[in-house]
Every structure is written in C-alpha cells, then in structure tokens.
Amino acid sequence: MTILGLAIWVFGWLNVMLADGILISLRKPGETGYKIPYGGMFQLVSAGNYASEIIEWSGWALAAAQPCAIAFAFFTFCNLAPRGFSHHKWYQEKFKDEYPAGRKAVIPFLW
C-alpha cells in the first residue's frame, strides 16, 4: 500500500502544481474580472486545485497508514470539499450558460 499511496500522492502533488499554474495564468498583468479555468483537473471539476489537494493527502494517508495521516486527509476533505462546492455554485451562477455543464464540483464524475 505504501507504493500505491506514494503514487497517488505524486499524482495529486503534480496536479496541485498544475492547478496553481492554471489559476495564476488566468489573468494577464493589468486585467481584472473573473475567468473560467480550463486544463488539468479543471476539465473535470470546478475546484481542480482542491480536488488535487484531497487526492494528494489521501495518497499520503494511504502510504503512511497511520491514524494521524488518515485524520489529516479526512479533515482536508472536510475543509476543502464544502469550499469547492461553494465555488462550483458561484461559477454556475456567474457564468451561467458559458460554464461547462458536465463539470462536477470536487469529485470527478460524481460530485
């Protein structure tokens, strides 16, 4: 399980880096306003950065197989999932028909 957990952690970590880059590059210097992020986990969910964090720390919990690691992953989900859902609703209200209809909030293909 350690190797699988480490692989999941690396996948999550790489996607966190990608999501951060996507969000940072949404606006050019001097631009204002909001834009819809595309690419990486944002193709599947509104909160691609949060989903990636949840994946990252879930992998760490699996690799560590310790109660404190499992608790950390659980509370990461409990903190980020509601925020991601809130962002999802905001994007849908702000961008209406422009927003990708099939995009979920935090968990790809499910929620």
N, C-alpha and C. Protein backbone atom coordinates (compact mmCIF):
# COMPACT_ATOMS: atom_id res chain seq x y z
N MET A 1 0.81 -1.20 0.00
CA MET A 1 0.00 0.00 0.00
C MET A 1 0.86 1.27 0.00
N THR A 2 2.07 1.15 0.52
CA THR A 2 2.94 2.32 0.58
C THR A 2 3.25 2.85 -0.81
N ILE A 3 3.57 1.95 -1.75
CA ILE A 3 3.91 2.37 -3.12
C ILE A 3 2.68 2.97 -3.80
N LEU A 4 1.53 2.35 -3.64
CA LEU A 4 0.30 2.88 -4.23
C LEU A 4 -0.01 4.26 -3.65
N GLY A 5 0.08 4.39 -2.34
CA GLY A 5 -0.16 5.68 -1.69
C GLY A 5 0.80 6.74 -2.17
N LEU A 6 2.08 6.37 -2.33
CA LEU A 6 3.08 7.31 -2.82
C LEU A 6 2.75 7.74 -4.25
N ALA A 7 2.33 6.81 -5.08
CA ALA A 7 1.95 7.13 -6.47
C ALA A 7 0.76 8.08 -6.50
N ILE A 8 -0.22 7.83 -5.65
CA ILE A 8 -1.39 8.71 -5.58
C ILE A 8 -0.97 10.09 -5.08
N TRP A 9 -0.09 10.13 -4.08
CA TRP A 9 0.41 11.41 -3.57
C TRP A 9 1.11 12.20 -4.67
N VAL A 10 1.99 11.55 -5.43
CA VAL A 10 2.71 12.22 -6.51
C VAL A 10 1.73 12.75 -7.56
N PHE A 11 0.75 11.93 -7.93
CA PHE A 11 -0.27 12.36 -8.89
C PHE A 11 -1.00 13.60 -8.37
N GLY A 12 -1.39 13.58 -7.11
CA GLY A 12 -2.07 14.74 -6.51
C GLY A 12 -1.18 15.96 -6.46
N TRP A 13 0.07 15.76 -6.06
CA TRP A 13 1.01 16.88 -5.95
C TRP A 13 1.26 17.53 -7.31
N LEU A 14 1.46 16.71 -8.33
CA LEU A 14 1.67 17.25 -9.68
C LEU A 14 0.45 18.04 -10.15
N ASN A 15 -0.73 17.53 -9.82
CA ASN A 15 -1.95 18.24 -10.21
C ASN A 15 -2.17 19.52 -9.41
N VAL A 16 -1.71 19.55 -8.16
CA VAL A 16 -1.76 20.80 -7.39
C VAL A 16 -0.90 21.85 -8.08
N MET A 17 0.31 21.46 -8.48
CA MET A 17 1.20 22.40 -9.16
C MET A 17 0.59 22.90 -10.47
N LEU A 18 -0.01 21.97 -11.24
CA LEU A 18 -0.64 22.34 -12.50
C LEU A 18 -1.83 23.27 -12.25
N ALA A 19 -2.67 22.94 -11.28
CA ALA A 19 -3.85 23.77 -10.96
C ALA A 19 -3.42 25.18 -10.54
N ASP A 20 -2.40 25.28 -9.71
CA ASP A 20 -1.91 26.59 -9.30
C ASP A 20 -1.44 27.40 -10.50
N GLY A 21 -0.72 26.75 -11.40
CA GLY A 21 -0.25 27.43 -12.61
C GLY A 21 -1.41 27.91 -13.48
N ILE A 22 -2.43 27.08 -13.61
CA ILE A 22 -3.60 27.46 -14.40
C ILE A 22 -4.29 28.67 -13.78
N LEU A 23 -4.48 28.64 -12.46
CA LEU A 23 -5.15 29.76 -11.79
C LEU A 23 -4.33 31.04 -11.88
N ILE A 24 -3.02 30.93 -11.70
CA ILE A 24 -2.15 32.10 -11.76
C ILE A 24 -2.18 32.74 -13.14
N SER A 25 -2.28 31.91 -14.19
CA SER A 25 -2.21 32.44 -15.56
C SER A 25 -3.56 32.88 -16.12
N LEU A 26 -4.62 32.81 -15.32
CA LEU A 26 -5.93 33.23 -15.83
C LEU A 26 -5.96 34.70 -16.24
N ARG A 27 -5.32 35.54 -15.47
CA ARG A 27 -5.31 36.98 -15.77
C ARG A 27 -3.91 37.43 -16.14
N LYS A 28 -3.86 38.23 -17.17
CA LYS A 28 -2.59 38.87 -17.55
C LYS A 28 -2.42 40.12 -16.68
N PRO A 29 -1.19 40.62 -16.56
CA PRO A 29 -0.98 41.83 -15.75
C PRO A 29 -1.91 42.97 -16.21
N GLY A 30 -2.56 43.58 -15.24
CA GLY A 30 -3.46 44.69 -15.54
C GLY A 30 -4.90 44.28 -15.81
N GLU A 31 -5.15 43.00 -16.05
CA GLU A 31 -6.52 42.54 -16.30
C GLU A 31 -7.29 42.44 -14.99
N THR A 32 -8.58 42.62 -15.09
CA THR A 32 -9.46 42.42 -13.96
C THR A 32 -10.60 41.51 -14.39
N GLY A 33 -11.41 41.09 -13.47
CA GLY A 33 -12.54 40.23 -13.80
C GLY A 33 -12.21 38.76 -13.56
N TYR A 34 -13.23 37.96 -13.76
CA TYR A 34 -13.12 36.53 -13.50
C TYR A 34 -13.16 35.75 -14.80
N LYS A 35 -12.48 34.62 -14.82
CA LYS A 35 -12.44 33.74 -15.98
C LYS A 35 -12.65 32.31 -15.53
N ILE A 36 -13.07 31.48 -16.46
CA ILE A 36 -13.27 30.06 -16.19
C ILE A 36 -11.94 29.34 -16.42
N PRO A 37 -11.46 28.59 -15.42
CA PRO A 37 -10.22 27.83 -15.63
C PRO A 37 -10.47 26.56 -16.45
N TYR A 38 -9.53 26.25 -17.32
CA TYR A 38 -9.57 25.03 -18.12
C TYR A 38 -8.22 24.34 -18.02
N GLY A 39 -8.22 23.01 -18.18
CA GLY A 39 -6.99 22.24 -18.15
C GLY A 39 -6.83 21.48 -16.85
N GLY A 40 -6.06 20.42 -16.89
CA GLY A 40 -5.83 19.62 -15.70
C GLY A 40 -7.13 19.12 -15.09
N MET A 41 -7.21 19.13 -13.79
CA MET A 41 -8.41 18.69 -13.08
C MET A 41 -9.59 19.62 -13.33
N PHE A 42 -9.32 20.85 -13.79
CA PHE A 42 -10.41 21.78 -14.08
C PHE A 42 -11.26 21.32 -15.25
N GLN A 43 -10.78 20.37 -16.03
CA GLN A 43 -11.61 19.81 -17.09
C GLN A 43 -12.75 18.98 -16.50
N LEU A 44 -12.54 18.46 -15.30
CA LEU A 44 -13.50 17.56 -14.67
C LEU A 44 -14.29 18.20 -13.54
N VAL A 45 -13.63 19.09 -12.79
CA VAL A 45 -14.27 19.67 -11.60
C VAL A 45 -14.00 21.18 -11.53
N SER A 46 -14.90 21.88 -10.86
CA SER A 46 -14.73 23.32 -10.67
C SER A 46 -13.57 23.64 -9.75
N ALA A 47 -13.37 22.82 -8.74
CA ALA A 47 -12.31 23.05 -7.76
C ALA A 47 -11.15 22.09 -8.01
N GLY A 48 -10.51 22.24 -9.17
CA GLY A 48 -9.40 21.36 -9.53
C GLY A 48 -8.25 21.42 -8.55
N ASN A 49 -8.02 22.59 -7.99
CA ASN A 49 -6.95 22.73 -7.00
C ASN A 49 -7.31 22.00 -5.71
N TYR A 50 -8.55 22.12 -5.27
CA TYR A 50 -8.97 21.44 -4.04
C TYR A 50 -9.03 19.92 -4.24
N ALA A 51 -9.56 19.50 -5.37
CA ALA A 51 -9.62 18.06 -5.66
C ALA A 51 -8.21 17.46 -5.65
N SER A 52 -7.25 18.19 -6.20
CA SER A 52 -5.87 17.72 -6.24
C SER A 52 -5.27 17.64 -4.84
N GLU A 53 -5.58 18.60 -4.00
CA GLU A 53 -5.12 18.56 -2.60
C GLU A 53 -5.70 17.35 -1.88
N ILE A 54 -6.98 17.09 -2.10
CA ILE A 54 -7.62 15.94 -1.46
C ILE A 54 -6.97 14.64 -1.93
N ILE A 55 -6.70 14.53 -3.23
CA ILE A 55 -6.02 13.34 -3.77
C ILE A 55 -4.63 13.22 -3.16
N GLU A 56 -3.91 14.33 -3.13
CA GLU A 56 -2.55 14.33 -2.60
C GLU A 56 -2.50 13.80 -1.17
N TRP A 57 -3.33 14.35 -0.30
CA TRP A 57 -3.28 13.96 1.11
C TRP A 57 -3.93 12.61 1.37
N SER A 58 -4.81 12.18 0.50
CA SER A 58 -5.35 10.82 0.61
C SER A 58 -4.26 9.80 0.28
N GLY A 59 -3.45 10.10 -0.72
CA GLY A 59 -2.32 9.24 -1.04
C GLY A 59 -1.32 9.17 0.09
N TRP A 60 -1.05 10.32 0.69
CA TRP A 60 -0.14 10.37 1.84
C TRP A 60 -0.68 9.52 2.98
N ALA A 61 -1.99 9.61 3.23
CA ALA A 61 -2.60 8.82 4.31
C ALA A 61 -2.49 7.33 4.01
N LEU A 62 -2.70 6.95 2.76
CA LEU A 62 -2.59 5.54 2.38
C LEU A 62 -1.15 5.06 2.55
N ALA A 63 -0.19 5.88 2.14
CA ALA A 63 1.22 5.50 2.25
C ALA A 63 1.66 5.41 3.71
N ALA A 64 1.24 6.36 4.51
CA ALA A 64 1.67 6.39 5.91
C ALA A 64 0.94 5.35 6.75
N ALA A 65 -0.32 5.10 6.43
CA ALA A 65 -1.14 4.12 7.16
C ALA A 65 -1.12 4.34 8.67
N GLN A 66 -1.21 5.60 9.06
CA GLN A 66 -1.23 5.96 10.47
C GLN A 66 -2.50 6.76 10.77
N PRO A 67 -3.05 6.62 11.96
CA PRO A 67 -4.29 7.34 12.28
C PRO A 67 -4.19 8.85 12.07
N CYS A 68 -3.06 9.45 12.42
CA CYS A 68 -2.93 10.90 12.25
C CYS A 68 -2.94 11.29 10.77
N ALA A 69 -2.35 10.48 9.92
CA ALA A 69 -2.35 10.76 8.48
C ALA A 69 -3.76 10.61 7.90
N ILE A 70 -4.46 9.59 8.35
CA ILE A 70 -5.83 9.37 7.90
C ILE A 70 -6.72 10.52 8.37
N ALA A 71 -6.54 10.96 9.59
CA ALA A 71 -7.31 12.09 10.12
C ALA A 71 -7.01 13.36 9.33
N PHE A 72 -5.75 13.58 8.99
CA PHE A 72 -5.37 14.76 8.22
C PHE A 72 -6.06 14.75 6.87
N ALA A 73 -6.05 13.61 6.18
CA ALA A 73 -6.71 13.51 4.88
C ALA A 73 -8.22 13.73 5.02
N PHE A 74 -8.81 13.15 6.04
CA PHE A 74 -10.25 13.30 6.27
C PHE A 74 -10.61 14.76 6.51
N PHE A 75 -9.86 15.44 7.37
CA PHE A 75 -10.18 16.83 7.67
C PHE A 75 -9.82 17.76 6.51
N THR A 76 -8.86 17.36 5.69
CA THR A 76 -8.61 18.12 4.46
C THR A 76 -9.84 18.07 3.57
N PHE A 77 -10.40 16.87 3.42
CA PHE A 77 -11.64 16.74 2.65
C PHE A 77 -12.76 17.56 3.28
N CYS A 78 -12.92 17.46 4.58
CA CYS A 78 -14.00 18.18 5.28
C CYS A 78 -13.86 19.69 5.13
N ASN A 79 -12.65 20.19 5.01
CA ASN A 79 -12.42 21.62 4.85
C ASN A 79 -12.58 22.06 3.40
N LEU A 80 -12.00 21.31 2.46
CA LEU A 80 -11.95 21.75 1.07
C LEU A 80 -13.19 21.40 0.26
N ALA A 81 -13.83 20.29 0.55
CA ALA A 81 -14.99 19.87 -0.25
C ALA A 81 -16.14 20.89 -0.19
N PRO A 82 -16.53 21.37 0.98
CA PRO A 82 -17.60 22.39 1.00
C PRO A 82 -17.19 23.68 0.30
N ARG A 83 -15.94 24.07 0.44
CA ARG A 83 -15.46 25.27 -0.25
C ARG A 83 -15.51 25.06 -1.75
N GLY A 84 -15.11 23.87 -2.22
CA GLY A 84 -15.17 23.57 -3.64
C GLY A 84 -16.58 23.58 -4.17
N PHE A 85 -17.51 23.06 -3.38
CA PHE A 85 -18.91 23.06 -3.79
C PHE A 85 -19.44 24.49 -3.89
N SER A 86 -19.04 25.31 -2.94
CA SER A 86 -19.43 26.73 -2.97
C SER A 86 -18.88 27.42 -4.21
N HIS A 87 -17.63 27.15 -4.55
CA HIS A 87 -17.02 27.72 -5.76
C HIS A 87 -17.79 27.25 -7.00
N HIS A 88 -18.15 25.98 -7.01
CA HIS A 88 -18.89 25.40 -8.14
C HIS A 88 -20.20 26.15 -8.35
N LYS A 89 -20.95 26.35 -7.29
CA LYS A 89 -22.22 27.07 -7.39
C LYS A 89 -21.99 28.51 -7.87
N TRP A 90 -20.93 29.15 -7.36
CA TRP A 90 -20.63 30.52 -7.76
C TRP A 90 -20.32 30.59 -9.25
N TYR A 91 -19.47 29.68 -9.74
CA TYR A 91 -19.14 29.65 -11.17
C TYR A 91 -20.40 29.47 -12.01
N GLN A 92 -21.27 28.56 -11.60
CA GLN A 92 -22.50 28.33 -12.35
C GLN A 92 -23.39 29.57 -12.39
N GLU A 93 -23.48 30.28 -11.28
CA GLU A 93 -24.30 31.49 -11.23
C GLU A 93 -23.65 32.64 -12.01
N LYS A 94 -22.34 32.77 -11.89
CA LYS A 94 -21.62 33.88 -12.54
C LYS A 94 -21.59 33.71 -14.05
N PHE A 95 -21.30 32.51 -14.54
CA PHE A 95 -21.08 32.29 -15.97
C PHE A 95 -22.25 31.63 -16.68
N LYS A 96 -23.25 31.21 -15.95
CA LYS A 96 -24.47 30.61 -16.48
C LYS A 96 -24.21 29.64 -17.65
N ASP A 97 -24.65 29.95 -18.85
CA ASP A 97 -24.55 29.04 -19.99
C ASP A 97 -23.12 28.85 -20.50
N GLU A 98 -22.22 29.76 -20.15
CA GLU A 98 -20.82 29.64 -20.58
C GLU A 98 -20.09 28.53 -19.82
N TYR A 99 -20.58 28.22 -18.62
CA TYR A 99 -19.87 27.27 -17.76
C TYR A 99 -20.11 25.84 -18.24
N PRO A 100 -19.07 25.02 -18.30
CA PRO A 100 -19.22 23.63 -18.77
C PRO A 100 -20.26 22.86 -17.96
N ALA A 101 -21.29 22.40 -18.64
CA ALA A 101 -22.43 21.75 -17.97
C ALA A 101 -22.05 20.46 -17.27
N GLY A 102 -21.13 19.69 -17.81
CA GLY A 102 -20.77 18.40 -17.24
C GLY A 102 -19.75 18.46 -16.12
N ARG A 103 -19.24 19.62 -15.84
CA ARG A 103 -18.21 19.76 -14.81
C ARG A 103 -18.83 19.57 -13.42
N LYS A 104 -18.22 18.72 -12.61
CA LYS A 104 -18.68 18.48 -11.24
C LYS A 104 -18.00 19.47 -10.30
N ALA A 105 -18.34 19.41 -9.01
CA ALA A 105 -17.79 20.36 -8.04
C ALA A 105 -16.38 19.98 -7.59
N VAL A 106 -16.24 18.80 -6.98
CA VAL A 106 -14.96 18.42 -6.36
C VAL A 106 -14.51 17.01 -6.75
N ILE A 107 -15.43 16.08 -6.82
CA ILE A 107 -15.08 14.68 -7.11
C ILE A 107 -15.43 14.37 -8.56
N PRO A 108 -14.42 14.12 -9.40
CA PRO A 108 -14.71 13.89 -10.82
C PRO A 108 -15.76 12.82 -11.05
N PHE A 109 -16.68 13.11 -11.96
CA PHE A 109 -17.75 12.22 -12.40
C PHE A 109 -18.84 11.97 -11.35
N LEU A 110 -18.66 12.39 -10.10
CA LEU A 110 -19.61 12.10 -9.03
C LEU A 110 -20.27 13.33 -8.44
N TRP A 111 -19.43 14.28 -7.93
CA TRP A 111 -19.98 15.41 -7.19
C TRP A 111 -19.17 16.66 -7.41
